[in-house]
Amino acid sequence: MKKTPEKIKKIFNTISFDYDYLNDIISLWQHKKIKKDILKPLKNTKFSKVLDLCTGTGDIAGLIKKSYPEARVFGIDFSSSMLEIAKSRYKDITFVEGDCEQIPFDNNFFDVCIISFGLRNVENINAILKEIYRVLKKDGIFINLDLGKPCFLANIFLKPYMKYWVKFLGKIFHGNSFPYEYFAKSNDDFPSPIELCEKYENIGFTNIRIKDYIFGQISAQICIKN
């Protein structure tokens, strides 16, 4: 499927009401632990403004605000249905409906930017990365969390799990397997963590490191704006 903003927005508007519940099941209740873990690089650093890009229902934005109540936390997403849920849950976070290719904030505005399971849903990854680089301050932290590329042995189990079991769960719990079939397939042509790191480096990010989870099925990359 061509990843046009209209098609992706429609998918997320459709699944918003059971998105978090199915994420729990599909990730075997691991995604919340992983999302907490990727925030560890923020410890012992000074920051005041944080952007959660492709915030969805706002779970990462909520974790940040809970851990760092003095920080100003912003969440951006283009799914109005997802944002309705986020706004109802987190009253002390600023949520904005917007496009991640045109982030509606000034240059050098944020100390931290996080995007979780968002990059694989866009056609032009470089355009989003350039926007993230633009709105981050010098020495700002960028964290990306998304699907990775598991090793061959792990993939013997994980590939069928993503291809068949995730589709089945979508059909059973959501009533429509298509969105979850798309999620499973969306990783086929998505760059590997190493390829993503090359993109970060080309744009100007430094101090790049990778942290894998679930045998590489999920991967985080952490880097700094030069």
N, C-alpha and C. Protein backbone atom coordinates (compact mmCIF):
# COMPACT_ATOMS: atom_id res chain seq x y z
N MET A 1 0.84 -1.19 0.00
CA MET A 1 0.00 0.00 0.00
C MET A 1 0.87 1.24 0.00
N LYS A 2 0.56 2.18 -0.89
CA LYS A 2 1.28 3.45 -0.88
C LYS A 2 0.92 4.23 0.38
N LYS A 3 1.93 4.71 1.05
CA LYS A 3 1.73 5.34 2.36
C LYS A 3 1.41 6.82 2.22
N THR A 4 0.28 7.12 1.61
CA THR A 4 -0.15 8.52 1.52
C THR A 4 -0.70 8.94 2.87
N PRO A 5 -0.57 10.22 3.24
CA PRO A 5 -1.10 10.68 4.53
C PRO A 5 -2.59 10.37 4.70
N GLU A 6 -3.36 10.47 3.62
CA GLU A 6 -4.80 10.23 3.71
C GLU A 6 -5.09 8.79 4.10
N LYS A 7 -4.38 7.83 3.49
CA LYS A 7 -4.61 6.42 3.79
C LYS A 7 -4.17 6.06 5.20
N ILE A 8 -3.01 6.56 5.61
CA ILE A 8 -2.51 6.25 6.95
C ILE A 8 -3.41 6.89 8.01
N LYS A 9 -3.84 8.11 7.76
CA LYS A 9 -4.74 8.78 8.71
C LYS A 9 -6.04 7.99 8.87
N LYS A 10 -6.57 7.50 7.77
CA LYS A 10 -7.81 6.72 7.82
C LYS A 10 -7.64 5.46 8.65
N ILE A 11 -6.51 4.78 8.48
CA ILE A 11 -6.24 3.57 9.26
C ILE A 11 -6.24 3.88 10.75
N PHE A 12 -5.52 4.93 11.16
CA PHE A 12 -5.39 5.22 12.58
C PHE A 12 -6.68 5.79 13.17
N ASN A 13 -7.43 6.53 12.39
CA ASN A 13 -8.73 6.97 12.88
C ASN A 13 -9.66 5.79 13.11
N THR A 14 -9.52 4.76 12.29
CA THR A 14 -10.39 3.59 12.38
C THR A 14 -10.08 2.73 13.60
N ILE A 15 -8.80 2.63 13.96
CA ILE A 15 -8.41 1.70 15.02
C ILE A 15 -8.20 2.36 16.37
N SER A 16 -8.47 3.65 16.48
CA SER A 16 -8.10 4.40 17.70
C SER A 16 -8.74 3.82 18.96
N PHE A 17 -9.97 3.33 18.86
CA PHE A 17 -10.69 2.93 20.07
C PHE A 17 -10.12 1.66 20.71
N ASP A 18 -9.46 0.79 19.93
CA ASP A 18 -8.90 -0.42 20.52
C ASP A 18 -7.39 -0.53 20.28
N TYR A 19 -6.77 0.57 19.90
CA TYR A 19 -5.36 0.56 19.55
C TYR A 19 -4.47 0.14 20.71
N ASP A 20 -4.66 0.74 21.88
CA ASP A 20 -3.81 0.45 23.03
C ASP A 20 -4.02 -0.98 23.52
N TYR A 21 -5.27 -1.42 23.53
CA TYR A 21 -5.58 -2.77 23.98
C TYR A 21 -4.90 -3.82 23.10
N LEU A 22 -4.99 -3.63 21.79
CA LEU A 22 -4.36 -4.58 20.88
C LEU A 22 -2.84 -4.48 20.90
N ASN A 23 -2.31 -3.29 21.15
CA ASN A 23 -0.85 -3.17 21.31
C ASN A 23 -0.35 -4.01 22.47
N ASP A 24 -1.12 -4.03 23.56
CA ASP A 24 -0.76 -4.86 24.70
C ASP A 24 -0.67 -6.33 24.28
N ILE A 25 -1.69 -6.79 23.58
CA ILE A 25 -1.75 -8.21 23.20
C ILE A 25 -0.67 -8.55 22.19
N ILE A 26 -0.56 -7.73 21.14
CA ILE A 26 0.40 -8.03 20.07
C ILE A 26 1.84 -8.04 20.58
N SER A 27 2.15 -7.11 21.50
CA SER A 27 3.52 -7.03 22.02
C SER A 27 3.74 -7.95 23.22
N LEU A 28 2.73 -8.77 23.54
CA LEU A 28 2.80 -9.65 24.71
C LEU A 28 3.06 -8.84 25.98
N TRP A 29 2.40 -7.67 26.05
CA TRP A 29 2.46 -6.77 27.19
C TRP A 29 3.88 -6.23 27.43
N GLN A 30 4.65 -6.09 26.37
CA GLN A 30 6.02 -5.60 26.49
C GLN A 30 6.18 -4.14 26.07
N HIS A 31 5.25 -3.60 25.28
CA HIS A 31 5.50 -2.29 24.68
C HIS A 31 5.58 -1.17 25.72
N LYS A 32 4.83 -1.28 26.80
CA LYS A 32 4.90 -0.24 27.83
C LYS A 32 6.25 -0.26 28.55
N LYS A 33 6.77 -1.46 28.80
CA LYS A 33 8.08 -1.58 29.44
C LYS A 33 9.16 -1.00 28.53
N ILE A 34 9.05 -1.29 27.25
CA ILE A 34 10.03 -0.79 26.29
C ILE A 34 9.98 0.73 26.21
N LYS A 35 8.78 1.28 26.17
CA LYS A 35 8.63 2.73 26.08
C LYS A 35 9.19 3.43 27.32
N LYS A 36 9.05 2.81 28.47
CA LYS A 36 9.67 3.37 29.68
C LYS A 36 11.19 3.31 29.58
N ASP A 37 11.69 2.21 29.02
CA ASP A 37 13.14 2.01 28.94
C ASP A 37 13.81 3.02 28.02
N ILE A 38 13.15 3.39 26.92
CA ILE A 38 13.79 4.32 25.98
C ILE A 38 13.90 5.73 26.55
N LEU A 39 13.22 6.00 27.65
CA LEU A 39 13.31 7.32 28.28
C LEU A 39 14.52 7.44 29.20
N LYS A 40 15.23 6.34 29.43
CA LYS A 40 16.38 6.37 30.35
C LYS A 40 17.46 7.37 29.94
N PRO A 41 17.70 7.58 28.62
CA PRO A 41 18.72 8.58 28.25
C PRO A 41 18.39 10.00 28.71
N LEU A 42 17.14 10.25 29.11
CA LEU A 42 16.77 11.60 29.56
C LEU A 42 17.20 11.86 31.00
N LYS A 43 17.52 10.79 31.73
CA LYS A 43 17.94 10.97 33.12
C LYS A 43 19.24 11.75 33.18
N ASN A 44 19.34 12.60 34.17
CA ASN A 44 20.56 13.39 34.41
C ASN A 44 20.87 14.36 33.27
N THR A 45 19.85 14.69 32.46
CA THR A 45 20.02 15.71 31.43
C THR A 45 19.05 16.86 31.72
N LYS A 46 19.42 18.04 31.26
CA LYS A 46 18.56 19.20 31.47
C LYS A 46 17.73 19.44 30.21
N PHE A 47 16.44 19.48 30.38
CA PHE A 47 15.55 19.78 29.26
C PHE A 47 14.26 20.39 29.79
N SER A 48 13.64 21.21 28.95
CA SER A 48 12.40 21.87 29.37
C SER A 48 11.24 21.63 28.41
N LYS A 49 11.54 21.36 27.14
CA LYS A 49 10.48 21.17 26.16
C LYS A 49 10.71 19.87 25.38
N VAL A 50 9.67 19.03 25.35
CA VAL A 50 9.77 17.71 24.73
C VAL A 50 8.65 17.56 23.71
N LEU A 51 8.99 17.01 22.55
CA LEU A 51 8.02 16.73 21.50
C LEU A 51 7.86 15.22 21.33
N ASP A 52 6.63 14.75 21.45
CA ASP A 52 6.30 13.36 21.12
C ASP A 52 5.61 13.38 19.76
N LEU A 53 6.37 13.06 18.74
CA LEU A 53 5.87 13.13 17.36
C LEU A 53 5.15 11.83 17.02
N CYS A 54 4.04 11.95 16.27
CA CYS A 54 3.17 10.79 16.01
C CYS A 54 2.72 10.21 17.35
N THR A 55 2.21 11.06 18.20
CA THR A 55 1.93 10.73 19.60
C THR A 55 0.83 9.70 19.77
N GLY A 56 -0.07 9.54 18.78
CA GLY A 56 -1.15 8.58 18.91
C GLY A 56 -2.05 8.90 20.09
N THR A 57 -2.23 7.93 20.98
CA THR A 57 -3.08 8.16 22.16
C THR A 57 -2.30 8.78 23.32
N GLY A 58 -1.06 9.17 23.05
CA GLY A 58 -0.32 9.96 24.03
C GLY A 58 0.37 9.19 25.13
N ASP A 59 0.59 7.88 24.95
CA ASP A 59 1.15 7.11 26.07
C ASP A 59 2.57 7.52 26.42
N ILE A 60 3.42 7.76 25.41
CA ILE A 60 4.79 8.18 25.71
C ILE A 60 4.81 9.60 26.27
N ALA A 61 4.01 10.48 25.71
CA ALA A 61 3.91 11.85 26.24
C ALA A 61 3.49 11.81 27.71
N GLY A 62 2.56 10.92 28.03
CA GLY A 62 2.11 10.78 29.41
C GLY A 62 3.20 10.26 30.33
N LEU A 63 3.99 9.31 29.83
CA LEU A 63 5.11 8.78 30.63
C LEU A 63 6.14 9.88 30.93
N ILE A 64 6.41 10.71 29.91
CA ILE A 64 7.38 11.79 30.10
C ILE A 64 6.88 12.78 31.14
N LYS A 65 5.63 13.17 31.01
CA LYS A 65 5.06 14.16 31.93
C LYS A 65 5.02 13.62 33.36
N LYS A 66 4.74 12.35 33.50
CA LYS A 66 4.70 11.74 34.84
C LYS A 66 6.09 11.70 35.45
N SER A 67 7.10 11.40 34.65
CA SER A 67 8.48 11.30 35.16
C SER A 67 9.13 12.66 35.33
N TYR A 68 8.74 13.62 34.47
CA TYR A 68 9.35 14.96 34.49
C TYR A 68 8.24 16.01 34.48
N PRO A 69 7.55 16.18 35.61
CA PRO A 69 6.38 17.06 35.65
C PRO A 69 6.67 18.52 35.34
N GLU A 70 7.92 18.95 35.50
CA GLU A 70 8.26 20.34 35.23
C GLU A 70 8.45 20.61 33.73
N ALA A 71 8.59 19.57 32.94
CA ALA A 71 8.82 19.74 31.50
C ALA A 71 7.53 20.11 30.78
N ARG A 72 7.67 20.91 29.74
CA ARG A 72 6.53 21.20 28.86
C ARG A 72 6.52 20.12 27.78
N VAL A 73 5.46 19.35 27.73
CA VAL A 73 5.37 18.22 26.81
C VAL A 73 4.32 18.51 25.74
N PHE A 74 4.72 18.29 24.49
CA PHE A 74 3.84 18.51 23.35
C PHE A 74 3.70 17.20 22.57
N GLY A 75 2.50 16.93 22.09
CA GLY A 75 2.28 15.76 21.25
C GLY A 75 1.64 16.17 19.94
N ILE A 76 2.15 15.63 18.84
CA ILE A 76 1.61 15.94 17.51
C ILE A 76 1.17 14.65 16.83
N ASP A 77 0.00 14.68 16.22
CA ASP A 77 -0.47 13.56 15.42
C ASP A 77 -1.48 14.10 14.42
N PHE A 78 -1.65 13.40 13.29
CA PHE A 78 -2.63 13.87 12.32
C PHE A 78 -3.95 13.11 12.41
N SER A 79 -4.02 12.15 13.36
CA SER A 79 -5.27 11.41 13.57
C SER A 79 -6.10 12.10 14.64
N SER A 80 -7.21 12.69 14.24
CA SER A 80 -8.06 13.40 15.19
C SER A 80 -8.65 12.44 16.22
N SER A 81 -8.94 11.20 15.80
CA SER A 81 -9.52 10.23 16.73
C SER A 81 -8.52 9.83 17.80
N MET A 82 -7.27 9.63 17.41
CA MET A 82 -6.23 9.32 18.39
C MET A 82 -6.05 10.48 19.37
N LEU A 83 -6.04 11.70 18.84
CA LEU A 83 -5.81 12.87 19.69
C LEU A 83 -6.96 13.09 20.67
N GLU A 84 -8.17 12.74 20.29
CA GLU A 84 -9.30 12.86 21.22
C GLU A 84 -9.05 12.02 22.46
N ILE A 85 -8.55 10.81 22.25
CA ILE A 85 -8.24 9.93 23.39
C ILE A 85 -7.10 10.51 24.21
N ALA A 86 -6.05 10.98 23.52
CA ALA A 86 -4.89 11.56 24.23
C ALA A 86 -5.32 12.75 25.09
N LYS A 87 -6.11 13.64 24.52
CA LYS A 87 -6.53 14.85 25.24
C LYS A 87 -7.40 14.50 26.45
N SER A 88 -8.20 13.45 26.34
CA SER A 88 -9.06 13.06 27.46
C SER A 88 -8.25 12.44 28.60
N ARG A 89 -7.09 11.89 28.28
CA ARG A 89 -6.28 11.22 29.30
C ARG A 89 -5.28 12.14 29.97
N TYR A 90 -4.73 13.07 29.20
CA TYR A 90 -3.61 13.88 29.72
C TYR A 90 -3.92 15.36 29.55
N LYS A 91 -4.48 15.94 30.60
CA LYS A 91 -4.93 17.33 30.54
C LYS A 91 -3.79 18.33 30.61
N ASP A 92 -2.62 17.89 31.09
CA ASP A 92 -1.51 18.82 31.28
C ASP A 92 -0.48 18.73 30.15
N ILE A 93 -0.87 18.15 29.03
CA ILE A 93 -0.01 18.05 27.85
C ILE A 93 -0.67 18.78 26.70
N THR A 94 0.13 19.48 25.91
CA THR A 94 -0.39 20.21 24.75
C THR A 94 -0.37 19.29 23.53
N PHE A 95 -1.55 18.96 23.03
CA PHE A 95 -1.66 18.11 21.85
C PHE A 95 -2.09 18.95 20.65
N VAL A 96 -1.41 18.71 19.54
CA VAL A 96 -1.65 19.49 18.32
C VAL A 96 -1.90 18.54 17.16
N GLU A 97 -2.96 18.80 16.41
CA GLU A 97 -3.21 18.02 15.20
C GLU A 97 -2.35 18.60 14.07
N GLY A 98 -1.45 17.80 13.55
CA GLY A 98 -0.54 18.33 12.53
C GLY A 98 0.19 17.23 11.80
N ASP A 99 0.92 17.62 10.77
CA ASP A 99 1.65 16.72 9.90
C ASP A 99 3.12 16.69 10.33
N CYS A 100 3.67 15.49 10.48
CA CYS A 100 5.06 15.39 10.93
C CYS A 100 6.05 15.86 9.87
N GLU A 101 5.60 16.04 8.63
CA GLU A 101 6.49 16.59 7.60
C GLU A 101 6.53 18.12 7.65
N GLN A 102 5.61 18.71 8.41
CA GLN A 102 5.58 20.16 8.58
C GLN A 102 5.27 20.46 10.05
N ILE A 103 6.24 20.25 10.90
CA ILE A 103 6.03 20.42 12.34
C ILE A 103 5.77 21.89 12.65
N PRO A 104 4.65 22.19 13.28
CA PRO A 104 4.25 23.61 13.47
C PRO A 104 4.93 24.28 14.66
N PHE A 105 6.26 24.23 14.69
CA PHE A 105 7.03 24.89 15.74
C PHE A 105 8.27 25.51 15.13
N ASP A 106 8.83 26.51 15.83
CA ASP A 106 9.99 27.24 15.33
C ASP A 106 11.25 26.37 15.34
N ASN A 107 12.25 26.84 14.64
CA ASN A 107 13.56 26.20 14.67
C ASN A 107 14.11 26.19 16.10
N ASN A 108 14.85 25.14 16.44
CA ASN A 108 15.57 25.07 17.72
C ASN A 108 14.65 25.25 18.93
N PHE A 109 13.47 24.65 18.87
CA PHE A 109 12.47 24.87 19.91
C PHE A 109 12.51 23.81 21.00
N PHE A 110 12.79 22.56 20.64
CA PHE A 110 12.69 21.45 21.59
C PHE A 110 14.07 20.96 22.04
N ASP A 111 14.10 20.47 23.29
CA ASP A 111 15.30 19.83 23.82
C ASP A 111 15.32 18.34 23.48
N VAL A 112 14.15 17.76 23.34
CA VAL A 112 14.02 16.33 23.09
C VAL A 112 12.90 16.10 22.08
N CYS A 113 13.11 15.16 21.17
CA CYS A 113 12.05 14.72 20.26
C CYS A 113 12.05 13.20 20.22
N ILE A 114 10.86 12.63 20.39
CA ILE A 114 10.70 11.17 20.35
C ILE A 114 9.63 10.84 19.32
N ILE A 115 9.88 9.82 18.53
CA ILE A 115 8.87 9.32 17.61
C ILE A 115 8.80 7.80 17.79
N SER A 116 7.61 7.30 17.99
CA SER A 116 7.42 5.88 18.29
C SER A 116 6.50 5.24 17.26
N PHE A 117 7.02 4.26 16.53
CA PHE A 117 6.25 3.53 15.52
C PHE A 117 5.56 4.48 14.55
N GLY A 118 6.29 5.51 14.15
CA GLY A 118 5.75 6.48 13.21
C GLY A 118 6.49 6.52 11.88
N LEU A 119 7.81 6.36 11.93
CA LEU A 119 8.60 6.50 10.71
C LEU A 119 8.21 5.49 9.63
N ARG A 120 7.84 4.28 10.03
CA ARG A 120 7.52 3.26 9.02
C ARG A 120 6.20 3.53 8.31
N ASN A 121 5.47 4.55 8.77
CA ASN A 121 4.19 4.87 8.15
C ASN A 121 4.27 6.06 7.19
N VAL A 122 5.48 6.49 6.87
CA VAL A 122 5.62 7.64 5.96
C VAL A 122 6.42 7.25 4.73
N GLU A 123 6.15 7.93 3.64
CA GLU A 123 6.86 7.67 2.39
C GLU A 123 8.26 8.28 2.40
N ASN A 124 8.35 9.52 2.90
CA ASN A 124 9.60 10.26 2.82
C ASN A 124 10.22 10.40 4.22
N ILE A 125 10.98 9.40 4.62
CA ILE A 125 11.59 9.40 5.95
C ILE A 125 12.54 10.57 6.13
N ASN A 126 13.31 10.88 5.09
CA ASN A 126 14.28 11.97 5.20
C ASN A 126 13.62 13.30 5.49
N ALA A 127 12.43 13.52 4.91
CA ALA A 127 11.72 14.78 5.15
C ALA A 127 11.35 14.93 6.62
N ILE A 128 10.90 13.85 7.24
CA ILE A 128 10.55 13.90 8.66
C ILE A 128 11.80 14.12 9.51
N LEU A 129 12.88 13.42 9.17
CA LEU A 129 14.11 13.56 9.94
C LEU A 129 14.67 14.98 9.86
N LYS A 130 14.55 15.61 8.70
CA LYS A 130 15.01 16.99 8.54
C LYS A 130 14.17 17.94 9.40
N GLU A 131 12.87 17.66 9.48
CA GLU A 131 12.00 18.49 10.33
C GLU A 131 12.35 18.31 11.81
N ILE A 132 12.60 17.07 12.20
CA ILE A 132 13.00 16.81 13.59
C ILE A 132 14.30 17.55 13.91
N TYR A 133 15.25 17.46 13.00
CA TYR A 133 16.53 18.15 13.19
C TYR A 133 16.32 19.66 13.30
N ARG A 134 15.40 20.18 12.49
CA ARG A 134 15.15 21.64 12.48
C ARG A 134 14.60 22.12 13.82
N VAL A 135 13.64 21.40 14.39
CA VAL A 135 12.97 21.89 15.60
C VAL A 135 13.75 21.57 16.88
N LEU A 136 14.77 20.71 16.78
CA LEU A 136 15.59 20.41 17.96
C LEU A 136 16.66 21.50 18.17
N LYS A 137 16.94 21.77 19.43
CA LYS A 137 18.05 22.65 19.77
C LYS A 137 19.37 21.91 19.55
N LYS A 138 20.45 22.67 19.48
CA LYS A 138 21.78 22.05 19.42
C LYS A 138 21.98 21.20 20.67
N ASP A 139 22.51 20.01 20.48
CA ASP A 139 22.71 19.02 21.53
C ASP A 139 21.39 18.41 22.01
N GLY A 140 20.31 18.67 21.27
CA GLY A 140 19.03 18.05 21.59
C GLY A 140 19.05 16.55 21.32
N ILE A 141 18.22 15.82 22.04
CA ILE A 141 18.18 14.36 21.96
C ILE A 141 17.03 13.93 21.04
N PHE A 142 17.34 13.01 20.13
CA PHE A 142 16.32 12.41 19.27
C PHE A 142 16.29 10.91 19.53
N ILE A 143 15.09 10.38 19.79
CA ILE A 143 14.91 8.94 20.01
C ILE A 143 13.84 8.42 19.06
N ASN A 144 14.18 7.40 18.30
CA ASN A 144 13.21 6.73 17.44
C ASN A 144 13.01 5.31 17.94
N LEU A 145 11.75 4.91 18.07
CA LEU A 145 11.40 3.54 18.44
C LEU A 145 10.50 2.98 17.37
N ASP A 146 10.88 1.82 16.83
CA ASP A 146 10.09 1.24 15.75
C ASP A 146 10.43 -0.23 15.61
N LEU A 147 9.83 -0.88 14.62
CA LEU A 147 10.17 -2.26 14.33
C LEU A 147 11.61 -2.34 13.83
N GLY A 148 12.27 -3.44 14.17
CA GLY A 148 13.64 -3.64 13.74
C GLY A 148 13.74 -4.79 12.76
N LYS A 149 14.91 -5.36 12.66
CA LYS A 149 15.17 -6.50 11.78
C LYS A 149 15.78 -7.61 12.63
N PRO A 150 14.97 -8.55 13.10
CA PRO A 150 15.50 -9.61 13.96
C PRO A 150 16.47 -10.52 13.22
N CYS A 151 17.30 -11.20 13.98
CA CYS A 151 18.26 -12.12 13.40
C CYS A 151 17.52 -13.30 12.77
N PHE A 152 18.24 -14.08 11.97
CA PHE A 152 17.62 -15.17 11.21
C PHE A 152 16.87 -16.15 12.10
N LEU A 153 17.51 -16.60 13.19
CA LEU A 153 16.88 -17.58 14.06
C LEU A 153 15.62 -17.03 14.72
N ALA A 154 15.69 -15.80 15.21
CA ALA A 154 14.52 -15.19 15.84
C ALA A 154 13.41 -14.98 14.82
N ASN A 155 13.80 -14.69 13.58
CA ASN A 155 12.81 -14.40 12.55
C ASN A 155 12.01 -15.64 12.14
N ILE A 156 12.55 -16.82 12.42
CA ILE A 156 11.81 -18.05 12.14
C ILE A 156 10.48 -18.05 12.87
N PHE A 157 10.48 -17.50 14.09
CA PHE A 157 9.24 -17.37 14.85
C PHE A 157 8.55 -16.03 14.62
N LEU A 158 9.33 -14.96 14.62
CA LEU A 158 8.74 -13.62 14.63
C LEU A 158 8.07 -13.25 13.30
N LYS A 159 8.62 -13.68 12.17
CA LYS A 159 8.02 -13.33 10.89
C LYS A 159 6.62 -13.93 10.73
N PRO A 160 6.43 -15.24 10.99
CA PRO A 160 5.07 -15.79 10.94
C PRO A 160 4.15 -15.15 11.97
N TYR A 161 4.72 -14.81 13.14
CA TYR A 161 3.91 -14.16 14.18
C TYR A 161 3.35 -12.84 13.65
N MET A 162 4.20 -12.04 13.04
CA MET A 162 3.76 -10.75 12.51
C MET A 162 2.82 -10.93 11.32
N LYS A 163 3.12 -11.89 10.46
CA LYS A 163 2.36 -12.03 9.22
C LYS A 163 0.99 -12.64 9.44
N TYR A 164 0.90 -13.64 10.32
CA TYR A 164 -0.35 -14.38 10.47
C TYR A 164 -1.06 -14.10 11.80
N TRP A 165 -0.32 -14.15 12.89
CA TRP A 165 -0.95 -14.02 14.20
C TRP A 165 -1.46 -12.60 14.44
N VAL A 166 -0.68 -11.59 14.06
CA VAL A 166 -1.13 -10.21 14.24
C VAL A 166 -2.37 -9.93 13.40
N LYS A 167 -2.37 -10.44 12.18
CA LYS A 167 -3.55 -10.30 11.31
C LYS A 167 -4.77 -10.97 11.95
N PHE A 168 -4.57 -12.16 12.52
CA PHE A 168 -5.65 -12.89 13.18
C PHE A 168 -6.18 -12.12 14.39
N LEU A 169 -5.27 -11.57 15.19
CA LEU A 169 -5.70 -10.80 16.36
C LEU A 169 -6.51 -9.58 15.95
N GLY A 170 -6.08 -8.92 14.86
CA GLY A 170 -6.85 -7.78 14.37
C GLY A 170 -8.26 -8.17 13.98
N LYS A 171 -8.38 -9.33 13.34
CA LYS A 171 -9.70 -9.81 12.91
C LYS A 171 -10.58 -10.13 14.10
N ILE A 172 -10.00 -10.78 15.12
CA ILE A 172 -10.77 -11.22 16.28
C ILE A 172 -11.18 -10.04 17.17
N PHE A 173 -10.22 -9.19 17.50
CA PHE A 173 -10.48 -8.14 18.49
C PHE A 173 -10.94 -6.82 17.88
N HIS A 174 -10.51 -6.57 16.64
CA HIS A 174 -10.90 -5.31 16.00
C HIS A 174 -12.05 -5.50 15.02
N GLY A 175 -12.19 -6.72 14.51
CA GLY A 175 -13.26 -7.00 13.55
C GLY A 175 -12.85 -6.77 12.12
N ASN A 176 -11.63 -6.30 11.91
CA ASN A 176 -11.13 -6.03 10.56
C ASN A 176 -9.62 -6.27 10.58
N SER A 177 -9.15 -7.21 9.79
CA SER A 177 -7.74 -7.57 9.83
C SER A 177 -6.85 -6.63 9.03
N PHE A 178 -7.44 -5.80 8.13
CA PHE A 178 -6.61 -5.03 7.21
C PHE A 178 -5.61 -4.11 7.90
N PRO A 179 -6.03 -3.29 8.90
CA PRO A 179 -5.03 -2.40 9.52
C PRO A 179 -3.85 -3.15 10.10
N TYR A 180 -4.10 -4.30 10.70
CA TYR A 180 -3.02 -5.04 11.35
C TYR A 180 -2.23 -5.86 10.34
N GLU A 181 -2.86 -6.23 9.24
CA GLU A 181 -2.11 -6.83 8.14
C GLU A 181 -1.14 -5.80 7.56
N TYR A 182 -1.61 -4.56 7.46
CA TYR A 182 -0.73 -3.49 6.98
C TYR A 182 0.45 -3.29 7.92
N PHE A 183 0.18 -3.25 9.25
CA PHE A 183 1.27 -3.05 10.21
C PHE A 183 2.33 -4.13 10.07
N ALA A 184 1.89 -5.38 9.88
CA ALA A 184 2.83 -6.49 9.73
C ALA A 184 3.67 -6.32 8.47
N LYS A 185 3.04 -5.91 7.38
CA LYS A 185 3.75 -5.78 6.11
C LYS A 185 4.59 -4.51 6.03
N SER A 186 4.25 -3.52 6.86
CA SER A 186 4.91 -2.21 6.75
C SER A 186 6.40 -2.29 7.06
N ASN A 187 6.82 -3.36 7.71
CA ASN A 187 8.23 -3.49 8.04
C ASN A 187 9.06 -4.09 6.91
N ASP A 188 8.38 -4.64 5.89
CA ASP A 188 9.11 -5.33 4.82
C ASP A 188 10.10 -4.42 4.11
N ASP A 189 9.66 -3.20 3.79
CA ASP A 189 10.54 -2.28 3.07
C ASP A 189 11.04 -1.13 3.95
N PHE A 190 10.87 -1.28 5.26
CA PHE A 190 11.33 -0.26 6.20
C PHE A 190 12.83 -0.46 6.44
N PRO A 191 13.62 0.61 6.44
CA PRO A 191 15.07 0.46 6.63
C PRO A 191 15.42 -0.24 7.94
N SER A 192 16.52 -0.95 7.93
CA SER A 192 17.02 -1.57 9.16
C SER A 192 17.52 -0.49 10.11
N PRO A 193 17.69 -0.81 11.39
CA PRO A 193 18.25 0.18 12.32
C PRO A 193 19.58 0.76 11.84
N ILE A 194 20.44 -0.07 11.27
CA ILE A 194 21.73 0.43 10.78
C ILE A 194 21.51 1.40 9.62
N GLU A 195 20.59 1.08 8.72
CA GLU A 195 20.29 1.98 7.59
C GLU A 195 19.69 3.28 8.09
N LEU A 196 18.86 3.21 9.12
CA LEU A 196 18.29 4.44 9.70
C LEU A 196 19.40 5.30 10.30
N CYS A 197 20.33 4.66 10.98
CA CYS A 197 21.44 5.41 11.58
C CYS A 197 22.26 6.14 10.52
N GLU A 198 22.40 5.55 9.36
CA GLU A 198 23.11 6.22 8.26
C GLU A 198 22.35 7.47 7.82
N LYS A 199 21.01 7.37 7.81
CA LYS A 199 20.19 8.53 7.47
C LYS A 199 20.36 9.63 8.52
N TYR A 200 20.37 9.25 9.79
CA TYR A 200 20.55 10.24 10.85
C TYR A 200 21.89 10.96 10.69
N GLU A 201 22.91 10.18 10.42
CA GLU A 201 24.25 10.74 10.28
C GLU A 201 24.34 11.70 9.10
N ASN A 202 23.69 11.34 8.00
CA ASN A 202 23.70 12.20 6.81
C ASN A 202 23.02 13.54 7.07
N ILE A 203 22.05 13.55 7.96
CA ILE A 203 21.31 14.79 8.25
C ILE A 203 22.07 15.65 9.25
N GLY A 204 22.95 15.02 10.06
CA GLY A 204 23.75 15.81 10.99
C GLY A 204 23.73 15.33 12.42
N PHE A 205 23.00 14.25 12.70
CA PHE A 205 22.97 13.72 14.06
C PHE A 205 24.28 12.99 14.37
N THR A 206 24.65 13.00 15.64
CA THR A 206 25.88 12.35 16.08
C THR A 206 25.61 11.49 17.32
N ASN A 207 26.66 10.87 17.85
CA ASN A 207 26.55 10.02 19.06
C ASN A 207 25.41 9.01 18.92
N ILE A 208 25.34 8.38 17.76
CA ILE A 208 24.22 7.49 17.44
C ILE A 208 24.46 6.11 18.04
N ARG A 209 23.43 5.58 18.70
CA ARG A 209 23.53 4.22 19.21
C ARG A 209 22.20 3.50 19.05
N ILE A 210 22.26 2.19 19.04
CA ILE A 210 21.09 1.34 18.83
C ILE A 210 20.85 0.49 20.06
N LYS A 211 19.60 0.32 20.43
CA LYS A 211 19.23 -0.61 21.50
C LYS A 211 18.06 -1.46 21.00
N ASP A 212 18.28 -2.77 20.93
CA ASP A 212 17.27 -3.69 20.41
C ASP A 212 16.49 -4.34 21.54
N TYR A 213 15.25 -4.73 21.21
CA TYR A 213 14.37 -5.42 22.13
C TYR A 213 13.72 -6.61 21.41
N ILE A 214 13.33 -7.62 22.18
CA ILE A 214 12.65 -8.81 21.66
C ILE A 214 13.41 -9.38 20.47
N PHE A 215 14.69 -9.66 20.69
CA PHE A 215 15.55 -10.27 19.67
C PHE A 215 15.67 -9.44 18.40
N GLY A 216 15.53 -8.12 18.56
CA GLY A 216 15.66 -7.23 17.42
C GLY A 216 14.37 -6.93 16.69
N GLN A 217 13.25 -7.50 17.14
CA GLN A 217 11.96 -7.21 16.49
C GLN A 217 11.58 -5.74 16.67
N ILE A 218 11.97 -5.18 17.81
CA ILE A 218 11.76 -3.76 18.07
C ILE A 218 13.13 -3.14 18.33
N SER A 219 13.33 -1.94 17.82
CA SER A 219 14.64 -1.30 17.94
C SER A 219 14.49 0.18 18.24
N ALA A 220 15.35 0.68 19.10
CA ALA A 220 15.42 2.12 19.39
C ALA A 220 16.76 2.64 18.94
N GLN A 221 16.75 3.85 18.39
CA GLN A 221 17.99 4.53 18.06
C GLN A 221 17.99 5.89 18.77
N ILE A 222 19.08 6.18 19.40
CA ILE A 222 19.22 7.42 20.18
C ILE A 222 20.37 8.22 19.59
N CYS A 223 20.16 9.51 19.35
CA CYS A 223 21.24 10.33 18.80
C CYS A 223 21.08 11.79 19.24
N ILE A 224 22.08 12.58 18.89
CA ILE A 224 22.17 13.97 19.33
C ILE A 224 22.27 14.89 18.11
N LYS A 225 21.58 16.03 18.19
CA LYS A 225 21.73 17.03 17.13
C LYS A 225 23.08 17.71 17.26
N ASN A 226 23.84 17.69 16.19
CA ASN A 226 25.19 18.28 16.19
C ASN A 226 25.09 19.80 16.28
